[in-house]
Amino acid sequence: MEAKKISLDDYILSGGGFNGESYDHKTDPSVMLKLYFPGKIQQPLDEMTLARKVYDLGIPTPEPGEYVVTEDGRYGIRFQRVLGKKSYSRAVGDNPEEVGNYASEFAQMCLQLHSVHVDTSMFENVKDRYFRLLKENPFFTSEEKERLGRFIEDTPDEDTAIHGDLQFSNAIFAGDKRYFIDLGDFCYGNHLFDVGMVYLCCNLSGEDFIQETFHMPKFLARKFWEAFVPVYFGENSRIDEIDEMIRPYAGLKTLIVERDTKCPMPEFRAALVSVL
């Protein structure tokens, strides 16, 4: 796929993250640019290709845009913004009295996502991803890695879709439309690996992080999880039993966090106590 040349003179910086920056078009509010840091060429191309595959599956996600490059050699993706959108985390923070309704909607979206069967030759198996992260992690001992590897291996296989970063800030709505966004980690496998991220965001993250990232106090994030569980797992599900089942899958996310931060994360590792 050939990158289309664009000028940054047409855009204004609107935010930043671990891999790059986001820009808004100066005159067209419906156009947004995700630009990676210098030297990252393959990553936006891979994300663009994956986004198209996911979109073609019929999963509700904004239509992918164009693969672009700026005058200074930075690569990125230009796409149409969903105007008037709001994430489920922002909606809960703005309207805490509606936490139950928002959690229910999000749970139904997740159930729909996790019912989509995929061509497994086109996407990565979530187990392979975790095995790779486990092998590369310098902070777990060999014995701990062996135990974690057995836990991953013993989880039943599924051929259904996984978002890969299922935060409730990565689901948005505008009017009666619902979308998943930021599907750069999309893969397939057991749904519990995905739901582990929902649990982590609502329960394991610290008060300050939840407030800054998800725009709500931690007790409200916990309420979101408690309203999510009966919709996703069934109305007769016991919250304590679901917590116990999901906690180690949330703890596995430390492999991703430790890769990015390059330091051990004891607050997330604590969720792996039943495995280690």
Foldseek 3Di string as FASTA:
>chain_A
DDAAEDECVQWDWDAADLFFTKTAGPPDRFKIKTWGDPPPDVLQVLLLVVQCVVVVLVQFAFRFAGWHAYPVGITTGMGTHDPQKDFLLRVCLVPVVCLLVSLLVLLVSLLVQQVRADDQVVFDEVLVVLLVLLVPDPPDDPVLSVLVNVVSVPPDWDRTKAQQQPESRQWMDHVPGIHGHDSSRIGGTDSLLRVLNLCCLQPLDDQVCNCVPRVHGNVSSVVSVVSNCCSNPNVPDDPVVVCLVNLLSNLSCQSVVCVSVVDGDVSSVVSCVVRD
